[in-house]
Amino acid sequence: MKKIDVYDFDGTIYDGDSTVDFFFYCLKRNKRIIPFCFNILGNGILMVGHVINLTEFKGRFLGFVKYINNIDDYLDGFWKENEHKICKYFLDNMKEKRQTFIISASPEFIIKPFSSKFDNVTLIGTLADKNTGKIKGINCKGEEKIKRLNKVISNYKIERFYSDSKADLPLVRISEKAYLVQHGKLSKFD
């Protein structure tokens, strides 16, 4: 049986929401996105009114990337500016070189420039086209995180799990040890 560590990303490894921060990073540098903000607001109202679900909202929200010609340059710049938001405990844990999975509801294309720095890390996130924002499949949240993990690895045991959210209770339940993370501080997940 393979022993692994699993981390959520936003609020857990990254102190904040990387998707929202990336949006504002892009908005500051590309004024073509400003009119799109009204679209985001309208879609937020549709989601709150249960007309569209979270996956559909996220795909519509990520549509702002259509206004960015050099998305990889924006991603590189974003991480240079925001890597300080990575929690120290995570960087310390990475020194152990344990087999690690980051499983996030955020789009993989936003997290990948950071996660690819670690040889022992496998990234599983919401699949979205970085040029259109279109979501491929289901938002990687709750039970979906376990389904996606099972597609990547079998015969495993989660020794340590880290999250900031009760939405991750399905992973908490199947982990030997689970830690609640709040602004880089760890406590036992009850």
N, C-alpha and C. Protein backbone atom coordinates (compact mmCIF):
# COMPACT_ATOMS: atom_id res chain seq x y z
N MET A 1 0.84 -1.18 0.00
CA MET A 1 0.00 0.00 0.00
C MET A 1 0.89 1.25 0.00
N LYS A 2 0.60 2.18 -0.91
CA LYS A 2 1.38 3.42 -1.02
C LYS A 2 0.89 4.42 0.02
N LYS A 3 1.82 4.99 0.76
CA LYS A 3 1.49 6.01 1.75
C LYS A 3 1.69 7.38 1.11
N ILE A 4 0.65 8.22 1.21
CA ILE A 4 0.70 9.52 0.55
C ILE A 4 0.23 10.63 1.49
N ASP A 5 0.62 11.84 1.13
CA ASP A 5 0.10 13.05 1.77
C ASP A 5 -0.78 13.75 0.74
N VAL A 6 -1.86 14.36 1.21
CA VAL A 6 -2.78 15.07 0.32
C VAL A 6 -3.05 16.45 0.90
N TYR A 7 -3.03 17.43 0.01
CA TYR A 7 -3.29 18.82 0.39
C TYR A 7 -4.37 19.41 -0.50
N ASP A 8 -5.26 20.18 0.10
CA ASP A 8 -6.07 21.13 -0.65
C ASP A 8 -5.11 22.26 -1.03
N PHE A 9 -5.52 23.19 -1.87
CA PHE A 9 -4.59 24.26 -2.24
C PHE A 9 -4.98 25.62 -1.65
N ASP A 10 -6.11 26.18 -2.10
CA ASP A 10 -6.51 27.52 -1.66
C ASP A 10 -6.87 27.51 -0.18
N GLY A 11 -6.27 28.43 0.56
CA GLY A 11 -6.52 28.51 2.00
C GLY A 11 -5.74 27.46 2.79
N THR A 12 -5.06 26.57 2.09
CA THR A 12 -4.32 25.49 2.74
C THR A 12 -2.82 25.63 2.48
N ILE A 13 -2.44 25.53 1.23
CA ILE A 13 -1.05 25.78 0.84
C ILE A 13 -0.88 27.26 0.52
N TYR A 14 -1.84 27.78 -0.21
CA TYR A 14 -1.83 29.17 -0.64
C TYR A 14 -2.76 29.96 0.28
N ASP A 15 -2.24 30.98 0.92
CA ASP A 15 -3.04 31.77 1.86
C ASP A 15 -3.91 32.76 1.09
N GLY A 16 -5.06 32.26 0.66
CA GLY A 16 -6.00 33.04 -0.13
C GLY A 16 -6.65 32.16 -1.18
N ASP A 17 -7.26 32.78 -2.18
CA ASP A 17 -7.89 32.06 -3.29
C ASP A 17 -7.11 32.41 -4.55
N SER A 18 -6.38 31.45 -5.08
CA SER A 18 -5.49 31.71 -6.21
C SER A 18 -6.26 32.11 -7.47
N THR A 19 -7.45 31.60 -7.67
CA THR A 19 -8.23 31.95 -8.86
C THR A 19 -8.67 33.41 -8.81
N VAL A 20 -9.19 33.81 -7.67
CA VAL A 20 -9.62 35.21 -7.49
C VAL A 20 -8.41 36.14 -7.58
N ASP A 21 -7.31 35.76 -6.93
CA ASP A 21 -6.11 36.60 -6.98
C ASP A 21 -5.58 36.70 -8.41
N PHE A 22 -5.63 35.60 -9.16
CA PHE A 22 -5.16 35.64 -10.55
C PHE A 22 -6.06 36.55 -11.39
N PHE A 23 -7.36 36.50 -11.15
CA PHE A 23 -8.28 37.38 -11.86
C PHE A 23 -7.90 38.85 -11.62
N PHE A 24 -7.71 39.24 -10.35
CA PHE A 24 -7.38 40.63 -10.06
C PHE A 24 -5.99 41.00 -10.58
N TYR A 25 -5.06 40.06 -10.57
CA TYR A 25 -3.74 40.30 -11.15
C TYR A 25 -3.90 40.65 -12.64
N CYS A 26 -4.72 39.87 -13.34
CA CYS A 26 -4.94 40.09 -14.77
C CYS A 26 -5.72 41.39 -15.02
N LEU A 27 -6.71 41.65 -14.19
CA LEU A 27 -7.53 42.85 -14.33
C LEU A 27 -6.68 44.13 -14.24
N LYS A 28 -5.71 44.14 -13.33
CA LYS A 28 -4.83 45.29 -13.17
C LYS A 28 -3.97 45.53 -14.40
N ARG A 29 -3.68 44.48 -15.14
CA ARG A 29 -2.76 44.58 -16.27
C ARG A 29 -3.45 44.59 -17.63
N ASN A 30 -4.74 44.32 -17.64
CA ASN A 30 -5.44 44.20 -18.92
C ASN A 30 -6.83 44.81 -18.77
N LYS A 31 -6.98 46.04 -19.19
CA LYS A 31 -8.24 46.77 -19.02
C LYS A 31 -9.36 46.21 -19.91
N ARG A 32 -9.03 45.36 -20.87
CA ARG A 32 -10.06 44.72 -21.71
C ARG A 32 -10.97 43.83 -20.87
N ILE A 33 -10.53 43.45 -19.67
CA ILE A 33 -11.31 42.56 -18.80
C ILE A 33 -12.40 43.33 -18.05
N ILE A 34 -12.25 44.64 -17.91
CA ILE A 34 -13.19 45.43 -17.09
C ILE A 34 -14.65 45.21 -17.48
N PRO A 35 -15.04 45.30 -18.77
CA PRO A 35 -16.46 45.07 -19.09
C PRO A 35 -16.95 43.65 -18.74
N PHE A 36 -16.02 42.70 -18.71
CA PHE A 36 -16.36 41.32 -18.38
C PHE A 36 -16.82 41.18 -16.93
N CYS A 37 -16.45 42.12 -16.08
CA CYS A 37 -16.85 42.08 -14.67
C CYS A 37 -18.36 42.07 -14.51
N PHE A 38 -19.08 42.76 -15.41
CA PHE A 38 -20.54 42.77 -15.33
C PHE A 38 -21.10 41.38 -15.63
N ASN A 39 -20.45 40.67 -16.53
CA ASN A 39 -20.82 39.29 -16.86
C ASN A 39 -20.64 38.41 -15.62
N ILE A 40 -19.53 38.59 -14.93
CA ILE A 40 -19.26 37.80 -13.71
C ILE A 40 -20.33 38.07 -12.66
N LEU A 41 -20.66 39.33 -12.48
CA LEU A 41 -21.69 39.70 -11.50
C LEU A 41 -23.03 39.05 -11.84
N GLY A 42 -23.42 39.13 -13.11
CA GLY A 42 -24.68 38.52 -13.54
C GLY A 42 -24.70 37.02 -13.33
N ASN A 43 -23.59 36.37 -13.64
CA ASN A 43 -23.51 34.93 -13.44
C ASN A 43 -23.49 34.55 -11.96
N GLY A 44 -22.91 35.41 -11.14
CA GLY A 44 -22.95 35.18 -9.69
C GLY A 44 -24.38 35.19 -9.17
N ILE A 45 -25.17 36.11 -9.68
CA ILE A 45 -26.59 36.18 -9.30
C ILE A 45 -27.32 34.91 -9.76
N LEU A 46 -27.02 34.46 -10.97
CA LEU A 46 -27.65 33.22 -11.48
C LEU A 46 -27.29 32.02 -10.62
N MET A 47 -26.03 31.97 -10.13
CA MET A 47 -25.62 30.85 -9.29
C MET A 47 -26.32 30.91 -7.93
N VAL A 48 -26.35 32.08 -7.33
CA VAL A 48 -27.02 32.24 -6.03
C VAL A 48 -28.50 31.89 -6.16
N GLY A 49 -29.09 32.22 -7.30
CA GLY A 49 -30.50 31.89 -7.56
C GLY A 49 -30.73 30.46 -8.04
N HIS A 50 -29.67 29.66 -8.04
CA HIS A 50 -29.73 28.23 -8.43
C HIS A 50 -30.17 28.02 -9.88
N VAL A 51 -29.90 29.01 -10.73
CA VAL A 51 -30.19 28.86 -12.15
C VAL A 51 -29.03 28.12 -12.83
N ILE A 52 -27.79 28.38 -12.36
CA ILE A 52 -26.62 27.64 -12.84
C ILE A 52 -25.90 27.07 -11.63
N ASN A 53 -25.13 26.00 -11.84
CA ASN A 53 -24.39 25.38 -10.73
C ASN A 53 -22.98 25.97 -10.64
N LEU A 54 -22.24 25.55 -9.63
CA LEU A 54 -20.90 26.08 -9.37
C LEU A 54 -19.96 25.82 -10.54
N THR A 55 -20.02 24.63 -11.13
CA THR A 55 -19.14 24.31 -12.26
C THR A 55 -19.42 25.24 -13.43
N GLU A 56 -20.68 25.48 -13.72
CA GLU A 56 -21.03 26.38 -14.83
C GLU A 56 -20.60 27.81 -14.52
N PHE A 57 -20.81 28.25 -13.28
CA PHE A 57 -20.37 29.59 -12.90
C PHE A 57 -18.87 29.73 -13.05
N LYS A 58 -18.14 28.73 -12.57
CA LYS A 58 -16.68 28.81 -12.63
C LYS A 58 -16.21 28.90 -14.08
N GLY A 59 -16.81 28.11 -14.97
CA GLY A 59 -16.45 28.18 -16.38
C GLY A 59 -16.74 29.54 -16.98
N ARG A 60 -17.85 30.13 -16.60
CA ARG A 60 -18.18 31.47 -17.09
C ARG A 60 -17.24 32.52 -16.49
N PHE A 61 -16.94 32.38 -15.20
CA PHE A 61 -16.01 33.30 -14.54
C PHE A 61 -14.65 33.26 -15.22
N LEU A 62 -14.16 32.05 -15.50
CA LEU A 62 -12.84 31.92 -16.11
C LEU A 62 -12.78 32.42 -17.54
N GLY A 63 -13.92 32.79 -18.11
CA GLY A 63 -13.96 33.33 -19.46
C GLY A 63 -13.12 34.58 -19.63
N PHE A 64 -12.72 35.22 -18.54
CA PHE A 64 -11.87 36.41 -18.64
C PHE A 64 -10.54 36.10 -19.34
N VAL A 65 -10.10 34.83 -19.31
CA VAL A 65 -8.81 34.49 -19.92
C VAL A 65 -8.84 34.68 -21.44
N LYS A 66 -10.03 34.74 -22.04
CA LYS A 66 -10.14 34.97 -23.48
C LYS A 66 -9.56 36.33 -23.89
N TYR A 67 -9.48 37.24 -22.95
CA TYR A 67 -8.98 38.58 -23.23
C TYR A 67 -7.47 38.71 -23.03
N ILE A 68 -6.82 37.59 -22.72
CA ILE A 68 -5.38 37.60 -22.45
C ILE A 68 -4.67 36.83 -23.56
N ASN A 69 -3.81 37.54 -24.29
CA ASN A 69 -3.11 36.91 -25.42
C ASN A 69 -1.93 36.05 -24.97
N ASN A 70 -1.27 36.43 -23.91
CA ASN A 70 -0.06 35.74 -23.46
C ASN A 70 -0.27 35.18 -22.05
N ILE A 71 -1.17 34.24 -21.94
CA ILE A 71 -1.58 33.70 -20.63
C ILE A 71 -0.41 33.14 -19.84
N ASP A 72 0.53 32.48 -20.51
CA ASP A 72 1.67 31.90 -19.78
C ASP A 72 2.54 32.98 -19.14
N ASP A 73 2.70 34.12 -19.83
CA ASP A 73 3.44 35.23 -19.25
C ASP A 73 2.71 35.78 -18.02
N TYR A 74 1.39 35.86 -18.09
CA TYR A 74 0.60 36.32 -16.95
C TYR A 74 0.74 35.35 -15.77
N LEU A 75 0.70 34.06 -16.06
CA LEU A 75 0.85 33.07 -14.99
C LEU A 75 2.22 33.16 -14.34
N ASP A 76 3.27 33.31 -15.15
CA ASP A 76 4.62 33.45 -14.59
C ASP A 76 4.71 34.69 -13.71
N GLY A 77 4.18 35.80 -14.19
CA GLY A 77 4.20 37.03 -13.41
C GLY A 77 3.39 36.92 -12.13
N PHE A 78 2.24 36.27 -12.23
CA PHE A 78 1.39 36.08 -11.05
C PHE A 78 2.16 35.33 -9.97
N TRP A 79 2.82 34.24 -10.33
CA TRP A 79 3.52 33.45 -9.32
C TRP A 79 4.74 34.16 -8.77
N LYS A 80 5.42 34.96 -9.59
CA LYS A 80 6.55 35.74 -9.06
C LYS A 80 6.05 36.73 -8.01
N GLU A 81 4.88 37.28 -8.24
CA GLU A 81 4.32 38.27 -7.32
C GLU A 81 3.65 37.64 -6.09
N ASN A 82 3.15 36.41 -6.23
CA ASN A 82 2.32 35.83 -5.16
C ASN A 82 2.89 34.59 -4.48
N GLU A 83 4.08 34.17 -4.85
CA GLU A 83 4.64 32.97 -4.23
C GLU A 83 4.86 33.16 -2.73
N HIS A 84 4.95 34.40 -2.27
CA HIS A 84 5.09 34.65 -0.83
C HIS A 84 3.85 34.20 -0.05
N LYS A 85 2.74 33.93 -0.74
CA LYS A 85 1.52 33.47 -0.07
C LYS A 85 1.52 31.96 0.19
N ILE A 86 2.57 31.28 -0.21
CA ILE A 86 2.69 29.84 0.07
C ILE A 86 3.07 29.68 1.54
N CYS A 87 2.32 28.84 2.25
CA CYS A 87 2.54 28.66 3.69
C CYS A 87 3.85 27.91 3.97
N LYS A 88 4.56 28.39 4.96
CA LYS A 88 5.87 27.84 5.33
C LYS A 88 5.80 26.36 5.69
N TYR A 89 4.76 25.93 6.39
CA TYR A 89 4.68 24.53 6.80
C TYR A 89 4.72 23.61 5.57
N PHE A 90 4.09 24.05 4.46
CA PHE A 90 4.08 23.23 3.25
C PHE A 90 5.50 23.11 2.69
N LEU A 91 6.20 24.21 2.60
CA LEU A 91 7.58 24.18 2.09
C LEU A 91 8.47 23.32 2.98
N ASP A 92 8.27 23.40 4.30
CA ASP A 92 9.02 22.54 5.22
C ASP A 92 8.69 21.07 4.98
N ASN A 93 7.40 20.75 4.81
CA ASN A 93 7.00 19.36 4.54
C ASN A 93 7.58 18.83 3.24
N MET A 94 7.75 19.69 2.24
CA MET A 94 8.27 19.24 0.95
C MET A 94 9.71 18.77 1.04
N LYS A 95 10.42 19.17 2.08
CA LYS A 95 11.81 18.71 2.28
C LYS A 95 11.86 17.22 2.57
N GLU A 96 10.74 16.65 3.04
CA GLU A 96 10.68 15.21 3.34
C GLU A 96 10.57 14.36 2.08
N LYS A 97 10.22 14.97 0.95
CA LYS A 97 10.10 14.28 -0.34
C LYS A 97 9.10 13.12 -0.33
N ARG A 98 8.05 13.23 0.47
CA ARG A 98 7.00 12.22 0.51
C ARG A 98 6.14 12.33 -0.76
N GLN A 99 5.55 11.21 -1.17
CA GLN A 99 4.64 11.26 -2.32
C GLN A 99 3.44 12.11 -1.93
N THR A 100 3.22 13.19 -2.68
CA THR A 100 2.26 14.21 -2.32
C THR A 100 1.31 14.51 -3.47
N PHE A 101 0.04 14.73 -3.11
CA PHE A 101 -0.98 15.11 -4.08
C PHE A 101 -1.60 16.42 -3.63
N ILE A 102 -1.67 17.37 -4.55
CA ILE A 102 -2.44 18.59 -4.33
C ILE A 102 -3.73 18.39 -5.10
N ILE A 103 -4.85 18.43 -4.38
CA ILE A 103 -6.16 18.24 -5.02
C ILE A 103 -6.98 19.49 -4.74
N SER A 104 -7.34 20.19 -5.82
CA SER A 104 -7.94 21.51 -5.66
C SER A 104 -9.12 21.72 -6.59
N ALA A 105 -10.05 22.54 -6.12
CA ALA A 105 -11.15 22.97 -6.99
C ALA A 105 -10.69 24.07 -7.95
N SER A 106 -9.54 24.66 -7.69
CA SER A 106 -9.02 25.69 -8.59
C SER A 106 -8.55 25.05 -9.89
N PRO A 107 -8.52 25.82 -10.95
CA PRO A 107 -8.07 25.27 -12.24
C PRO A 107 -6.60 24.84 -12.18
N GLU A 108 -6.33 23.69 -12.75
CA GLU A 108 -4.95 23.19 -12.78
C GLU A 108 -4.00 24.18 -13.42
N PHE A 109 -4.45 24.87 -14.48
CA PHE A 109 -3.52 25.73 -15.20
C PHE A 109 -3.01 26.89 -14.35
N ILE A 110 -3.75 27.28 -13.32
CA ILE A 110 -3.30 28.35 -12.43
C ILE A 110 -2.27 27.82 -11.44
N ILE A 111 -2.48 26.63 -10.91
CA ILE A 111 -1.60 26.06 -9.88
C ILE A 111 -0.35 25.42 -10.47
N LYS A 112 -0.44 24.91 -11.68
CA LYS A 112 0.65 24.12 -12.27
C LYS A 112 2.02 24.81 -12.27
N PRO A 113 2.12 26.11 -12.60
CA PRO A 113 3.45 26.72 -12.56
C PRO A 113 4.11 26.63 -11.19
N PHE A 114 3.31 26.62 -10.13
CA PHE A 114 3.86 26.45 -8.78
C PHE A 114 4.14 24.98 -8.48
N SER A 115 3.16 24.11 -8.67
CA SER A 115 3.31 22.70 -8.27
C SER A 115 4.39 21.96 -9.05
N SER A 116 4.66 22.41 -10.27
CA SER A 116 5.64 21.72 -11.10
C SER A 116 7.07 21.90 -10.59
N LYS A 117 7.26 22.75 -9.59
CA LYS A 117 8.59 22.93 -8.99
C LYS A 117 9.00 21.76 -8.10
N PHE A 118 8.05 20.89 -7.79
CA PHE A 118 8.31 19.79 -6.86
C PHE A 118 8.20 18.45 -7.58
N ASP A 119 9.26 17.65 -7.55
CA ASP A 119 9.27 16.34 -8.23
C ASP A 119 8.32 15.34 -7.58
N ASN A 120 8.05 15.51 -6.31
CA ASN A 120 7.24 14.54 -5.57
C ASN A 120 5.75 14.90 -5.53
N VAL A 121 5.34 15.95 -6.26
CA VAL A 121 3.96 16.44 -6.20
C VAL A 121 3.21 16.12 -7.49
N THR A 122 2.01 15.55 -7.31
CA THR A 122 1.07 15.35 -8.42
C THR A 122 -0.09 16.30 -8.20
N LEU A 123 -0.42 17.06 -9.24
CA LEU A 123 -1.51 18.03 -9.15
C LEU A 123 -2.78 17.45 -9.76
N ILE A 124 -3.86 17.58 -9.02
CA ILE A 124 -5.20 17.23 -9.50
C ILE A 124 -6.08 18.44 -9.20
N GLY A 125 -6.62 19.05 -10.24
CA GLY A 125 -7.45 20.22 -10.04
C GLY A 125 -8.60 20.22 -11.03
N THR A 126 -9.39 21.25 -10.98
CA THR A 126 -10.45 21.40 -11.97
C THR A 126 -9.79 21.61 -13.33
N LEU A 127 -10.23 20.84 -14.29
CA LEU A 127 -9.66 20.93 -15.63
C LEU A 127 -10.37 22.05 -16.39
N ALA A 128 -9.60 23.02 -16.85
CA ALA A 128 -10.15 24.15 -17.59
C ALA A 128 -9.16 24.54 -18.67
N ASP A 129 -9.68 24.97 -19.80
CA ASP A 129 -8.85 25.43 -20.90
C ASP A 129 -8.31 26.81 -20.55
N LYS A 130 -6.99 26.97 -20.53
CA LYS A 130 -6.39 28.23 -20.10
C LYS A 130 -6.59 29.36 -21.11
N ASN A 131 -7.03 29.02 -22.31
CA ASN A 131 -7.26 30.05 -23.32
C ASN A 131 -8.72 30.48 -23.45
N THR A 132 -9.64 29.64 -22.97
CA THR A 132 -11.07 29.96 -23.07
C THR A 132 -11.77 30.00 -21.71
N GLY A 133 -11.20 29.32 -20.72
CA GLY A 133 -11.83 29.21 -19.41
C GLY A 133 -12.83 28.09 -19.32
N LYS A 134 -13.09 27.42 -20.43
CA LYS A 134 -14.11 26.37 -20.45
C LYS A 134 -13.68 25.20 -19.55
N ILE A 135 -14.61 24.81 -18.66
CA ILE A 135 -14.38 23.68 -17.75
C ILE A 135 -14.56 22.38 -18.50
N LYS A 136 -13.63 21.45 -18.27
CA LYS A 136 -13.71 20.12 -18.87
C LYS A 136 -14.09 19.14 -17.75
N GLY A 137 -15.32 18.68 -17.74
CA GLY A 137 -15.75 17.75 -16.69
C GLY A 137 -16.41 18.48 -15.54
N ILE A 138 -16.17 17.97 -14.33
CA ILE A 138 -16.83 18.45 -13.11
C ILE A 138 -15.83 19.23 -12.25
N ASN A 139 -16.32 20.25 -11.56
CA ASN A 139 -15.51 20.99 -10.60
C ASN A 139 -14.94 20.00 -9.58
N CYS A 140 -13.66 20.07 -9.31
CA CYS A 140 -12.97 19.13 -8.43
C CYS A 140 -13.15 19.55 -6.97
N LYS A 141 -14.29 19.16 -6.40
CA LYS A 141 -14.65 19.56 -5.04
C LYS A 141 -15.38 18.41 -4.34
N GLY A 142 -15.23 18.31 -3.02
CA GLY A 142 -15.94 17.30 -2.24
C GLY A 142 -15.60 15.89 -2.67
N GLU A 143 -16.62 15.07 -2.88
CA GLU A 143 -16.44 13.66 -3.29
C GLU A 143 -15.68 13.54 -4.61
N GLU A 144 -15.80 14.55 -5.47
CA GLU A 144 -15.11 14.51 -6.77
C GLU A 144 -13.60 14.42 -6.58
N LYS A 145 -13.08 14.99 -5.48
CA LYS A 145 -11.64 14.92 -5.22
C LYS A 145 -11.20 13.46 -5.04
N ILE A 146 -12.00 12.67 -4.35
CA ILE A 146 -11.65 11.25 -4.15
C ILE A 146 -11.74 10.50 -5.48
N LYS A 147 -12.77 10.78 -6.26
CA LYS A 147 -12.91 10.11 -7.56
C LYS A 147 -11.71 10.41 -8.45
N ARG A 148 -11.29 11.67 -8.47
CA ARG A 148 -10.15 12.05 -9.30
C ARG A 148 -8.85 11.43 -8.79
N LEU A 149 -8.68 11.38 -7.46
CA LEU A 149 -7.49 10.74 -6.88
C LEU A 149 -7.44 9.27 -7.26
N ASN A 150 -8.59 8.58 -7.19
CA ASN A 150 -8.64 7.16 -7.52
C ASN A 150 -8.31 6.87 -8.98
N LYS A 151 -8.47 7.86 -9.84
CA LYS A 151 -8.10 7.68 -11.26
C LYS A 151 -6.59 7.77 -11.46
N VAL A 152 -5.91 8.41 -10.51
CA VAL A 152 -4.47 8.64 -10.64
C VAL A 152 -3.64 7.60 -9.90
N ILE A 153 -4.15 7.11 -8.77
CA ILE A 153 -3.40 6.18 -7.93
C ILE A 153 -4.37 5.15 -7.33
N SER A 154 -3.88 3.94 -7.16
CA SER A 154 -4.69 2.90 -6.50
C SER A 154 -3.87 2.32 -5.34
N ASN A 155 -4.55 1.60 -4.49
CA ASN A 155 -3.89 0.93 -3.36
C ASN A 155 -3.05 1.93 -2.55
N TYR A 156 -3.71 2.96 -2.05
CA TYR A 156 -3.01 4.01 -1.30
C TYR A 156 -3.64 4.18 0.07
N LYS A 157 -2.88 4.84 0.94
CA LYS A 157 -3.36 5.23 2.26
C LYS A 157 -2.93 6.67 2.47
N ILE A 158 -3.90 7.54 2.77
CA ILE A 158 -3.57 8.93 3.05
C ILE A 158 -3.11 9.03 4.50
N GLU A 159 -1.83 9.26 4.68
CA GLU A 159 -1.31 9.38 6.05
C GLU A 159 -1.60 10.76 6.64
N ARG A 160 -1.40 11.80 5.82
CA ARG A 160 -1.64 13.17 6.31
C ARG A 160 -2.44 13.92 5.26
N PHE A 161 -3.52 14.56 5.73
CA PHE A 161 -4.35 15.37 4.85
C PHE A 161 -4.47 16.76 5.45
N TYR A 162 -4.40 17.78 4.59
CA TYR A 162 -4.42 19.17 5.02
C TYR A 162 -5.49 19.93 4.23
N SER A 163 -6.33 20.67 4.95
CA SER A 163 -7.37 21.48 4.29
C SER A 163 -7.83 22.60 5.21
N ASP A 164 -8.44 23.60 4.59
CA ASP A 164 -9.03 24.70 5.35
C ASP A 164 -10.55 24.63 5.34
N SER A 165 -11.12 23.58 4.71
CA SER A 165 -12.55 23.60 4.42
C SER A 165 -13.29 22.32 4.81
N LYS A 166 -14.50 22.50 5.31
CA LYS A 166 -15.36 21.35 5.61
C LYS A 166 -15.85 20.68 4.34
N ALA A 167 -15.71 21.34 3.19
CA ALA A 167 -16.06 20.71 1.91
C ALA A 167 -15.17 19.50 1.65
N ASP A 168 -14.04 19.42 2.37
CA ASP A 168 -13.11 18.30 2.20
C ASP A 168 -13.33 17.18 3.21
N LEU A 169 -14.46 17.16 3.88
CA LEU A 169 -14.73 16.09 4.85
C LEU A 169 -14.64 14.69 4.25
N PRO A 170 -15.03 14.47 2.98
CA PRO A 170 -14.84 13.13 2.43
C PRO A 170 -13.38 12.66 2.50
N LEU A 171 -12.43 13.55 2.25
CA LEU A 171 -11.01 13.19 2.35
C LEU A 171 -10.57 13.07 3.81
N VAL A 172 -11.11 13.91 4.68
CA VAL A 172 -10.78 13.83 6.10
C VAL A 172 -11.14 12.44 6.62
N ARG A 173 -12.30 11.93 6.23
CA ARG A 173 -12.79 10.64 6.72
C ARG A 173 -11.91 9.45 6.33
N ILE A 174 -11.20 9.56 5.20
CA ILE A 174 -10.39 8.42 4.76
C ILE A 174 -8.90 8.61 5.05
N SER A 175 -8.56 9.63 5.86
CA SER A 175 -7.17 9.93 6.17
C SER A 175 -6.82 9.49 7.59
N GLU A 176 -5.58 9.02 7.77
CA GLU A 176 -5.12 8.67 9.12
C GLU A 176 -5.07 9.89 10.02
N LYS A 177 -4.45 10.96 9.51
CA LYS A 177 -4.37 12.22 10.26
C LYS A 177 -4.86 13.33 9.34
N ALA A 178 -5.69 14.22 9.89
CA ALA A 178 -6.20 15.34 9.10
C ALA A 178 -5.96 16.64 9.88
N TYR A 179 -5.45 17.63 9.14
CA TYR A 179 -5.11 18.91 9.75
C TYR A 179 -5.95 20.02 9.13
N LEU A 180 -6.50 20.85 10.00
CA LEU A 180 -7.21 22.05 9.59
C LEU A 180 -6.19 23.17 9.52
N VAL A 181 -6.16 23.87 8.40
CA VAL A 181 -5.18 24.94 8.19
C VAL A 181 -5.91 26.28 8.18
N GLN A 182 -5.43 27.19 8.99
CA GLN A 182 -5.99 28.55 9.01
C GLN A 182 -4.82 29.53 9.00
N HIS A 183 -4.63 30.18 7.84
CA HIS A 183 -3.55 31.15 7.64
C HIS A 183 -2.19 30.55 8.03
N GLY A 184 -1.95 29.31 7.58
CA GLY A 184 -0.66 28.67 7.80
C GLY A 184 -0.50 27.99 9.14
N LYS A 185 -1.49 28.10 10.00
CA LYS A 185 -1.45 27.45 11.32
C LYS A 185 -2.23 26.16 11.27
N LEU A 186 -1.65 25.10 11.84
CA LEU A 186 -2.26 23.77 11.80
C LEU A 186 -2.89 23.41 13.12
N SER A 187 -4.05 22.75 13.03
CA SER A 187 -4.69 22.16 14.19
C SER A 187 -5.34 20.85 13.73
N LYS A 188 -5.72 20.03 14.67
CA LYS A 188 -6.35 18.76 14.31
C LYS A 188 -7.73 19.02 13.73
N PHE A 189 -8.05 18.31 12.65
CA PHE A 189 -9.35 18.45 11.98
C PHE A 189 -10.34 17.58 12.74
N ASP A 190 -11.33 18.19 13.40
CA ASP A 190 -12.34 17.42 14.14
C ASP A 190 -13.53 17.11 13.27
